[in-house]
Amino acid sequence: MQSPCPVNASALRLDALIDQTYVRDDRPAGDASAPAVWFAYSPNRQGEHPQGHLKSFQGILQADAFAGFDALYARGDILEAACWAHARRKFFEIHQAQGSPIATEALKRIAALYAIEAELRGKPPDVRQQGRARAKPILDAFHVWLLDTRRQLSQKSGLANAIGYALNHWQALIRYVSDGRIEIDNNAAERALRAVALGRKNFLFAGSDAGGERAAALYSLIGSARLNGLDPEAYLRFVIARIADYPANRVSDLLPWKVAAQIAQSANQSSPA
């Protein structure tokens, strides 16, 4: 897989099932390419798995701070973009638990970055890059504030940890400003994972590696159907009704983004006038 466009990734453990989740969705940057999500089953949380998944990928990888991605960034042909939602979450948890004025100030500064993004969502990359020039002074002042504030805190405190996370990933966190293709966060992958988290109580275990791989395939189809505006149940009914007699070398014709218009047309025809 080779692409100059960003890929969003995240890592999640669901009891016995370990998934790496990769999302392609460039609609916020004005791209009309069909979105898709791929869940990859792995029997453990070792970095060799995402390294294998992305061995042929070149481009931008936007992800959380999972250490398994580090070797990919070290290759030199994959550019790291970090996630402001993850950085924000650390301050938000402290704000909720303690009402800390420092955490509140950090949240206000991050909110200013998101306000700019809200204005630019759906616009093409060049317009987003130009508009993000307004974020640079906010980020510069935020960086100075983080450094000054950390010096005043115990290094064992939760606030110091939150600030350290932001500073340790700073270059990757600000990379989105200089490239309109990159999102401010990897919430696309986080949203894709929500279905797994919601179903956790209903299916705690994969049962076997084969079960994990089948679950990942189903998550991928259901998640991609949703991204393309399809009712997952309607999509699966459509595929199951056709796949038995479908030519094996053309099965990719049944991917969600290729049949979305056909399913929508069938739904309209079957609706009462």
Protein backbone atom coordinates (compact mmCIF):
# COMPACT_ATOMS: atom_id res chain seq x y z
CA MET A 1 0.00 0.00 0.00
CA GLN A 2 1.54 3.26 -1.14
CA SER A 3 -0.17 6.59 -0.74
CA PRO A 4 0.81 10.20 -0.02
CA CYS A 5 -2.50 10.64 1.82
CA PRO A 6 -2.77 10.28 5.57
CA VAL A 7 -3.83 7.07 7.22
CA ASN A 8 -5.30 7.18 10.70
CA ALA A 9 -4.50 4.33 13.03
CA SER A 10 -5.15 3.25 16.57
CA ALA A 11 -4.54 0.18 18.71
CA LEU A 12 -7.17 -1.43 20.93
CA ARG A 13 -7.27 -4.47 23.20
CA LEU A 14 -10.67 -6.13 23.50
CA ASP A 15 -9.94 -8.85 26.09
CA ALA A 16 -8.55 -11.74 24.00
CA LEU A 17 -8.97 -9.83 20.75
CA ILE A 18 -6.28 -7.37 19.66
CA ASP A 19 -7.03 -5.11 16.71
CA GLN A 20 -5.07 -2.52 14.83
CA THR A 21 -7.51 -0.21 13.09
CA TYR A 22 -6.66 1.77 9.97
CA VAL A 23 -8.97 4.39 8.51
CA ARG A 24 -8.83 6.26 5.22
CA ASP A 25 -11.23 9.19 5.23
CA ASP A 26 -10.11 12.37 3.48
CA ARG A 27 -13.56 13.96 3.22
CA PRO A 28 -12.68 16.64 5.83
CA ALA A 29 -9.97 17.76 3.38
CA GLY A 30 -12.44 18.03 0.50
CA ASP A 31 -11.49 14.70 -1.09
CA ALA A 32 -14.29 12.69 -2.70
CA SER A 33 -12.46 9.34 -2.44
CA ALA A 34 -14.51 6.65 -0.72
CA PRO A 35 -13.70 6.20 2.99
CA ALA A 36 -12.81 2.79 4.40
CA VAL A 37 -11.73 1.14 7.64
CA TRP A 38 -9.68 -2.02 8.10
CA PHE A 39 -9.49 -3.93 11.38
CA ALA A 40 -6.48 -6.25 11.53
CA TYR A 41 -6.47 -9.07 14.08
CA SER A 42 -3.27 -9.69 16.01
CA PRO A 43 -2.74 -12.28 18.77
CA ASN A 44 -0.74 -9.83 20.91
CA ARG A 45 0.25 -6.19 21.20
CA GLN A 46 3.74 -6.47 19.74
CA GLY A 47 4.92 -3.84 17.29
CA GLU A 48 5.76 -6.41 14.63
CA HIS A 49 2.09 -6.53 13.64
CA PRO A 50 1.56 -2.89 12.55
CA GLN A 51 5.04 -2.99 11.06
CA GLY A 52 3.92 -5.92 8.92
CA HIS A 53 0.60 -4.30 8.03
CA LEU A 54 2.31 -1.13 6.80
CA LYS A 55 5.50 -2.64 5.37
CA SER A 56 4.71 -1.28 1.88
CA PHE A 57 3.08 1.96 2.99
CA GLN A 58 4.69 5.33 2.33
CA GLY A 59 3.13 8.59 3.41
CA ILE A 60 1.60 10.08 6.55
CA LEU A 61 0.49 7.95 9.48
CA GLN A 62 -1.63 9.70 12.09
CA ALA A 63 -1.92 7.65 15.25
CA ASP A 64 -1.91 7.55 19.01
CA ALA A 65 1.34 7.10 20.93
CA PHE A 66 1.39 3.29 20.62
CA ALA A 67 5.07 2.31 20.73
CA GLY A 68 4.49 -0.32 18.04
CA PHE A 69 4.44 2.45 15.44
CA ASP A 70 7.87 3.83 16.38
CA ALA A 71 9.83 1.50 14.08
CA LEU A 72 7.66 2.63 11.18
CA TYR A 73 8.52 6.28 11.76
CA ALA A 74 12.20 5.36 12.06
CA ARG A 75 12.17 3.99 8.48
CA GLY A 76 12.13 7.49 7.08
CA ASP A 77 9.39 6.98 4.47
CA ILE A 78 6.48 7.35 6.91
CA LEU A 79 5.82 10.73 8.48
CA GLU A 80 4.32 10.78 11.97
CA ALA A 81 1.31 12.97 12.75
CA ALA A 82 0.12 12.88 16.35
CA CYS A 83 -3.36 13.32 17.79
CA TRP A 84 -4.52 16.42 19.66
CA ALA A 85 -7.54 14.53 21.01
CA HIS A 86 -5.20 12.23 22.94
CA ALA A 87 -3.22 15.18 24.28
CA ARG A 88 -6.44 16.97 25.25
CA ARG A 89 -7.86 13.90 27.00
CA LYS A 90 -5.09 13.90 29.59
CA PHE A 91 -5.87 17.49 30.58
CA PHE A 92 -9.62 16.86 30.47
CA GLU A 93 -9.40 13.95 32.91
CA ILE A 94 -7.49 16.12 35.39
CA HIS A 95 -9.94 18.97 34.87
CA GLN A 96 -12.87 16.66 35.65
CA ALA A 97 -11.23 15.07 38.67
CA GLN A 98 -9.64 18.14 40.25
CA GLY A 99 -10.99 21.28 38.59
CA SER A 100 -7.38 22.33 38.05
CA PRO A 101 -6.96 25.90 36.69
CA ILE A 102 -3.87 24.73 34.80
CA ALA A 103 -5.81 21.94 33.08
CA THR A 104 -8.61 24.40 32.34
CA GLU A 105 -6.16 26.80 30.71
CA ALA A 106 -4.70 24.00 28.57
CA LEU A 107 -8.20 23.01 27.43
CA LYS A 108 -8.99 26.63 26.46
CA ARG A 109 -5.86 26.80 24.32
CA ILE A 110 -6.62 23.49 22.62
CA ALA A 111 -10.22 24.62 22.05
CA ALA A 112 -8.90 27.60 20.11
CA LEU A 113 -7.12 25.19 17.75
CA TYR A 114 -10.31 23.19 17.21
CA ALA A 115 -12.31 26.35 16.55
CA ILE A 116 -10.04 27.07 13.58
CA GLU A 117 -10.46 23.50 12.35
CA ALA A 118 -14.24 23.78 12.50
CA GLU A 119 -14.08 26.64 10.00
CA LEU A 120 -11.82 24.69 7.64
CA ARG A 121 -13.54 21.30 7.67
CA GLY A 122 -14.42 20.06 4.19
CA LYS A 123 -12.18 22.57 2.42
CA PRO A 124 -9.32 21.48 0.14
CA PRO A 125 -5.81 20.96 1.56
CA ASP A 126 -4.33 24.21 0.24
CA VAL A 127 -7.12 26.27 1.81
CA ARG A 128 -6.78 24.38 5.10
CA GLN A 129 -3.02 24.95 5.15
CA GLN A 130 -3.48 28.68 4.57
CA GLY A 131 -6.19 28.93 7.22
CA ARG A 132 -4.05 27.10 9.75
CA ALA A 133 -1.55 29.95 9.69
CA ARG A 134 -3.80 31.37 12.44
CA ALA A 135 -3.01 28.33 14.59
CA LYS A 136 0.75 28.86 14.54
CA PRO A 137 0.90 31.77 17.04
CA ILE A 138 -1.52 29.90 19.31
CA LEU A 139 0.73 26.84 19.21
CA ASP A 140 3.90 28.88 19.74
CA ALA A 141 2.42 30.56 22.82
CA PHE A 142 1.07 27.23 24.06
CA HIS A 143 4.51 25.62 23.77
CA VAL A 144 6.11 28.39 25.83
CA TRP A 145 3.31 28.10 28.41
CA LEU A 146 3.75 24.32 28.66
CA LEU A 147 7.49 24.65 29.25
CA ASP A 148 7.07 27.38 31.88
CA THR A 149 4.24 25.54 33.64
CA ARG A 150 6.09 22.24 33.80
CA ARG A 151 8.96 23.88 35.66
CA GLN A 152 6.55 24.83 38.44
CA LEU A 153 5.12 21.33 38.94
CA SER A 154 6.21 18.17 40.68
CA GLN A 155 7.45 15.80 38.00
CA LYS A 156 5.35 13.04 39.56
CA SER A 157 2.08 14.93 39.23
CA GLY A 158 -0.65 14.11 36.73
CA LEU A 159 -0.36 17.60 35.23
CA ALA A 160 3.36 17.12 34.64
CA ASN A 161 2.55 13.85 32.89
CA ALA A 162 -0.05 15.51 30.67
CA ILE A 163 2.32 18.34 29.79
CA GLY A 164 5.17 15.90 29.21
CA TYR A 165 3.02 13.92 26.78
CA ALA A 166 2.31 17.06 24.72
CA LEU A 167 5.94 18.22 24.75
CA ASN A 168 7.34 14.78 23.93
CA HIS A 169 5.11 14.59 20.85
CA TRP A 170 5.18 18.27 19.97
CA GLN A 171 6.65 18.09 16.46
CA ALA A 172 4.18 15.39 15.48
CA LEU A 173 1.31 17.32 17.11
CA ILE A 174 1.98 20.50 15.13
CA ARG A 175 2.64 18.74 11.81
CA TYR A 176 -0.98 19.19 10.73
CA VAL A 177 -0.49 22.97 10.51
CA SER A 178 1.93 22.70 7.59
CA ASP A 179 -0.01 20.05 5.62
CA GLY A 180 -3.68 20.49 4.80
CA ARG A 181 -4.14 16.75 4.21
CA ILE A 182 -3.52 15.95 7.88
CA GLU A 183 -6.28 16.09 10.49
CA ILE A 184 -5.85 17.70 13.90
CA ASP A 185 -6.55 14.31 15.49
CA ASN A 186 -7.12 10.66 14.66
CA ASN A 187 -10.72 10.61 15.81
CA ALA A 188 -11.66 8.84 12.57
CA ALA A 189 -9.98 5.72 13.94
CA GLU A 190 -11.40 6.29 17.42
CA ARG A 191 -14.93 6.49 16.01
CA ALA A 192 -14.40 3.26 14.08
CA LEU A 193 -13.36 1.54 17.31
CA ARG A 194 -16.52 2.62 19.11
CA ALA A 195 -18.52 -0.30 17.74
CA VAL A 196 -16.02 -2.73 19.25
CA ALA A 197 -16.15 -0.99 22.62
CA LEU A 198 -19.96 -0.91 22.65
CA GLY A 199 -20.15 -4.64 22.01
CA ARG A 200 -17.49 -5.61 24.53
CA LYS A 201 -19.95 -7.04 27.07
CA ASN A 202 -21.65 -9.18 24.44
CA PHE A 203 -18.56 -10.79 22.99
CA LEU A 204 -15.64 -10.83 25.38
CA PHE A 205 -13.53 -13.44 23.60
CA ALA A 206 -12.67 -14.30 20.01
CA GLY A 207 -12.35 -17.99 20.91
CA SER A 208 -9.38 -18.57 18.60
CA ASP A 209 -7.06 -16.78 16.18
CA ALA A 210 -9.40 -17.78 13.35
CA GLY A 211 -12.32 -16.28 15.27
CA GLY A 212 -10.37 -13.07 15.78
CA GLU A 213 -9.59 -12.83 12.07
CA ARG A 214 -13.25 -13.39 11.15
CA ALA A 215 -14.35 -10.77 13.68
CA ALA A 216 -11.87 -8.29 12.25
CA ALA A 217 -13.18 -8.93 8.71
CA LEU A 218 -16.75 -8.32 9.84
CA TYR A 219 -15.77 -5.14 11.71
CA SER A 220 -14.05 -3.94 8.54
CA LEU A 221 -17.11 -4.52 6.35
CA ILE A 222 -19.56 -3.05 8.86
CA GLY A 223 -17.34 -0.04 9.62
CA SER A 224 -16.73 0.69 5.94
CA ALA A 225 -20.44 0.38 5.19
CA ARG A 226 -21.20 2.97 7.87
CA LEU A 227 -18.50 5.32 6.57
CA ASN A 228 -20.15 5.15 3.14
CA GLY A 229 -23.60 5.97 4.49
CA LEU A 230 -24.95 2.41 4.33
CA ASP A 231 -27.06 0.52 6.84
CA PRO A 232 -24.64 -2.35 7.68
CA GLU A 233 -27.48 -4.88 7.88
CA ALA A 234 -28.80 -3.87 4.45
CA TYR A 235 -25.30 -4.02 3.03
CA LEU A 236 -24.62 -7.52 4.40
CA ARG A 237 -28.00 -8.75 3.08
CA PHE A 238 -27.08 -7.38 -0.34
CA VAL A 239 -23.70 -9.12 -0.34
CA ILE A 240 -24.89 -12.46 1.07
CA ALA A 241 -27.62 -12.65 -1.58
CA ARG A 242 -25.03 -12.40 -4.36
CA ILE A 243 -21.67 -13.66 -3.19
CA ALA A 244 -22.26 -17.42 -3.60
CA ASP A 245 -22.44 -17.14 -7.40
CA TYR A 246 -20.16 -14.13 -7.74
CA PRO A 247 -16.87 -14.59 -9.67
CA ALA A 248 -14.02 -14.88 -7.16
CA ASN A 249 -11.79 -12.56 -9.20
CA ARG A 250 -14.44 -9.82 -9.05
CA VAL A 251 -15.49 -10.08 -5.40
CA SER A 252 -14.00 -6.63 -4.74
CA ASP A 253 -16.93 -5.27 -6.78
CA LEU A 254 -19.03 -5.91 -3.65
CA LEU A 255 -17.07 -3.54 -1.41
CA PRO A 256 -19.30 -0.94 0.26
CA TRP A 257 -18.27 2.10 -1.76
CA LYS A 258 -18.79 0.22 -5.04
CA VAL A 259 -22.37 -0.84 -4.30
CA ALA A 260 -23.58 2.12 -2.21
CA ALA A 261 -25.44 3.73 -5.11
CA GLN A 262 -27.04 0.40 -6.13
CA ILE A 263 -28.24 -0.30 -2.57
CA ALA A 264 -29.62 3.23 -2.22
CA GLN A 265 -31.49 2.85 -5.53
CA SER A 266 -32.97 -0.50 -4.44
CA ALA A 267 -34.09 1.02 -1.14
CA ASN A 268 -35.79 3.92 -2.95
CA GLN A 269 -37.58 1.56 -5.34
CA SER A 270 -38.88 -0.61 -2.49
CA SER A 271 -40.10 2.36 -0.45
CA PRO A 272 -43.86 3.03 -0.59
CA ALA A 273 -44.81 5.97 -2.76
